[in-house]
C-alpha atoms as a PDB file:
ATOM      1  CA  MET A   1     -15.059  18.706   9.330  1.00  0.00           C
ATOM      2  CA  GLY A   2     -11.578  18.334   7.883  1.00  0.00           C
ATOM      3  CA  ASP A   3     -10.561  19.822   4.592  1.00  0.00           C
ATOM      4  CA  ALA A   4     -10.165  17.081   1.979  1.00  0.00           C
ATOM      5  CA  SER A   5      -7.378  19.067   0.336  1.00  0.00           C
ATOM      6  CA  ASN A   6      -5.236  18.425   3.428  1.00  0.00           C
ATOM      7  CA  VAL A   7      -5.462  14.655   2.994  1.00  0.00           C
ATOM      8  CA  PRO A   8      -2.327  13.370   1.267  1.00  0.00           C
ATOM      9  CA  SER A   9      -3.083  11.495  -1.921  1.00  0.00           C
ATOM     10  CA  LEU A  10      -1.745   8.014  -2.460  1.00  0.00           C
ATOM     11  CA  PRO A  11       0.997   7.588  -5.036  1.00  0.00           C
ATOM     12  CA  ARG A  12      -0.109   6.355  -8.410  1.00  0.00           C
ATOM     13  CA  TYR A  13       1.625   3.404 -10.048  1.00  0.00           C
ATOM     14  CA  PRO A  14       0.531   3.467 -13.712  1.00  0.00           C
ATOM     15  CA  GLU A  15       2.566   0.333 -14.341  1.00  0.00           C
ATOM     16  CA  LEU A  16       0.316  -1.535 -11.878  1.00  0.00           C
ATOM     17  CA  GLU A  17      -2.969  -0.490 -13.481  1.00  0.00           C
ATOM     18  CA  PRO A  18      -3.142  -3.604 -15.725  1.00  0.00           C
ATOM     19  CA  PHE A  19      -2.932  -5.744 -12.569  1.00  0.00           C
ATOM     20  CA  GLY A  20      -5.614  -3.669 -10.837  1.00  0.00           C
ATOM     21  CA  ASP A  21      -7.827  -3.931 -13.911  1.00  0.00           C
ATOM     22  CA  ALA A  22      -7.414  -7.721 -13.934  1.00  0.00           C
ATOM     23  CA  VAL A  23      -8.362  -7.939 -10.247  1.00  0.00           C
ATOM     24  CA  ARG A  24     -11.429  -5.738 -10.790  1.00  0.00           C
ATOM     25  CA  THR A  25     -12.514  -7.659 -13.900  1.00  0.00           C
ATOM     26  CA  ARG A  26     -12.245 -11.026 -12.161  1.00  0.00           C
ATOM     27  CA  ARG A  27     -14.010  -9.729  -9.033  1.00  0.00           C
ATOM     28  CA  LEU A  28     -16.899  -8.428 -11.127  1.00  0.00           C
ATOM     29  CA  GLU A  29     -17.090 -11.686 -13.116  1.00  0.00           C
ATOM     30  CA  LEU A  30     -17.573 -13.455  -9.798  1.00  0.00           C
ATOM     31  CA  LYS A  31     -20.111 -10.824  -8.700  1.00  0.00           C
ATOM     32  CA  LEU A  32     -18.067 -10.119  -5.579  1.00  0.00           C
ATOM     33  CA  SER A  33     -18.184  -6.764  -3.831  1.00  0.00           C
ATOM     34  CA  GLN A  34     -14.946  -5.134  -2.782  1.00  0.00           C
ATOM     35  CA  GLU A  35     -16.076  -5.743   0.798  1.00  0.00           C
ATOM     36  CA  ARG A  36     -16.532  -9.482   0.253  1.00  0.00           C
ATOM     37  CA  LEU A  37     -13.198  -9.862  -1.527  1.00  0.00           C
ATOM     38  CA  ALA A  38     -11.511  -7.857   1.228  1.00  0.00           C
ATOM     39  CA  PHE A  39     -13.014 -10.137   3.873  1.00  0.00           C
ATOM     40  CA  GLN A  40     -11.771 -13.228   2.042  1.00  0.00           C
ATOM     41  CA  VAL A  41      -8.267 -11.802   1.707  1.00  0.00           C
ATOM     42  CA  GLY A  42      -8.131 -10.334   5.210  1.00  0.00           C
ATOM     43  CA  VAL A  43      -7.747  -6.684   4.214  1.00  0.00           C
ATOM     44  CA  SER A  44      -9.997  -3.627   4.140  1.00  0.00           C
ATOM     45  CA  SER A  45     -12.267  -2.800   1.216  1.00  0.00           C
ATOM     46  CA  ASN A  46     -10.310   0.455   0.895  1.00  0.00           C
ATOM     47  CA  TYR A  47      -7.167  -1.625   0.328  1.00  0.00           C
ATOM     48  CA  VAL A  48      -8.900  -3.595  -2.443  1.00  0.00           C
ATOM     49  CA  SER A  49      -9.952  -0.299  -4.008  1.00  0.00           C
ATOM     50  CA  THR A  50      -6.380   1.013  -3.958  1.00  0.00           C
ATOM     51  CA  ILE A  51      -5.178  -2.174  -5.671  1.00  0.00           C
ATOM     52  CA  GLU A  52      -7.843  -1.886  -8.366  1.00  0.00           C
ATOM     53  CA  ARG A  53      -6.925   1.759  -9.005  1.00  0.00           C
ATOM     54  CA  GLY A  54      -3.181   1.082  -9.304  1.00  0.00           C
ATOM     55  CA  ARG A  55      -2.414   2.980  -6.110  1.00  0.00           C
ATOM     56  CA  CYS A  56      -0.953   0.079  -4.177  1.00  0.00           C
ATOM     57  CA  ASN A  57       1.859  -2.383  -4.752  1.00  0.00           C
ATOM     58  CA  PRO A  58       0.763  -5.446  -2.750  1.00  0.00           C
ATOM     59  CA  GLY A  59       3.301  -7.946  -1.469  1.00  0.00           C
ATOM     60  CA  LEU A  60       3.588 -11.541  -2.577  1.00  0.00           C
ATOM     61  CA  LEU A  61       1.486 -13.039   0.226  1.00  0.00           C
ATOM     62  CA  ARG A  62      -1.374 -10.662  -0.538  1.00  0.00           C
ATOM     63  CA  LEU A  63      -1.071 -11.457  -4.248  1.00  0.00           C
ATOM     64  CA  VAL A  64      -1.398 -15.151  -3.500  1.00  0.00           C
ATOM     65  CA  LYS A  65      -4.391 -14.537  -1.204  1.00  0.00           C
ATOM     66  CA  LEU A  66      -6.042 -12.349  -3.858  1.00  0.00           C
ATOM     67  CA  ALA A  67      -5.528 -14.978  -6.531  1.00  0.00           C
ATOM     68  CA  ALA A  68      -6.920 -17.723  -4.276  1.00  0.00           C
ATOM     69  CA  ALA A  69      -9.963 -15.637  -3.320  1.00  0.00           C
ATOM     70  CA  LEU A  70     -10.616 -14.912  -7.003  1.00  0.00           C
ATOM     71  CA  GLY A  71     -10.110 -18.533  -8.083  1.00  0.00           C
ATOM     72  CA  ALA A  72      -7.300 -17.334 -10.319  1.00  0.00           C
ATOM     73  CA  THR A  73      -3.597 -17.893 -10.805  1.00  0.00           C
ATOM     74  CA  LEU A  74      -0.984 -15.171 -10.648  1.00  0.00           C
ATOM     75  CA  ASP A  75      -0.675 -15.589 -14.416  1.00  0.00           C
ATOM     76  CA  ASP A  76      -4.359 -14.675 -14.702  1.00  0.00           C
ATOM     77  CA  LEU A  77      -3.831 -11.475 -12.732  1.00  0.00           C
ATOM     78  CA  VAL A  78      -0.461 -10.337 -14.085  1.00  0.00           C
ATOM     79  CA  PRO A  79      -0.882  -9.454 -17.756  1.00  0.00           C
ATOM     80  CA  ALA A  80       2.011 -10.437 -20.021  1.00  0.00           C
ATOM     81  CA  SER A  81       2.521  -6.754 -20.899  1.00  0.00           C
ATOM     82  CA  MET A  82       3.720  -6.159 -17.336  1.00  0.00           C
ATOM     83  CA  LEU A  83       6.559  -8.654 -17.822  1.00  0.00           C
ATOM     84  CA  SER A  84       8.182  -6.409 -20.425  1.00  0.00           C
ATOM     85  CA  ASP A  85       7.230  -3.003 -18.990  1.00  0.00           C
ATOM     86  CA  PRO A  86      10.475  -1.010 -18.630  1.00  0.00           C
ATOM     87  CA  ARG A  87       8.983   0.921 -15.675  1.00  0.00           C
ATOM     88  CA  ILE A  88       8.693  -2.369 -13.774  1.00  0.00           C
ATOM     89  CA  LEU A  89      11.980  -3.815 -14.977  1.00  0.00           C
ATOM     90  CA  GLY A  90      13.879  -0.613 -14.166  1.00  0.00           C
ATOM     91  CA  GLN A  91      15.015  -0.144 -17.740  1.00  0.00           C
ATOM     92  CA  PRO A  92      15.076   3.144 -19.626  1.00  0.00           C
ATOM     93  CA  GLY A  93      11.841   3.671 -21.566  1.00  0.00           C
END
């Protein structure tokens, strides 16, 4: 068995947590498992988990597929607070 401490951890993107929370909330409202959502989007359930935990910055095509699978718009999944977050906009905090 491998030592879990040797497994590199994924980077954390705190600025993406509101997006991940919105994805998780919508998925749970629809009573979808991570596995089912992953199947609909064409990714692994581990990938969905990393999105929901703010450990992944998905590209535009995946965002669109996520929104479609969740019956949502990008506006539904990207909270307004993210549009003024200096960490996202590259501005000094």
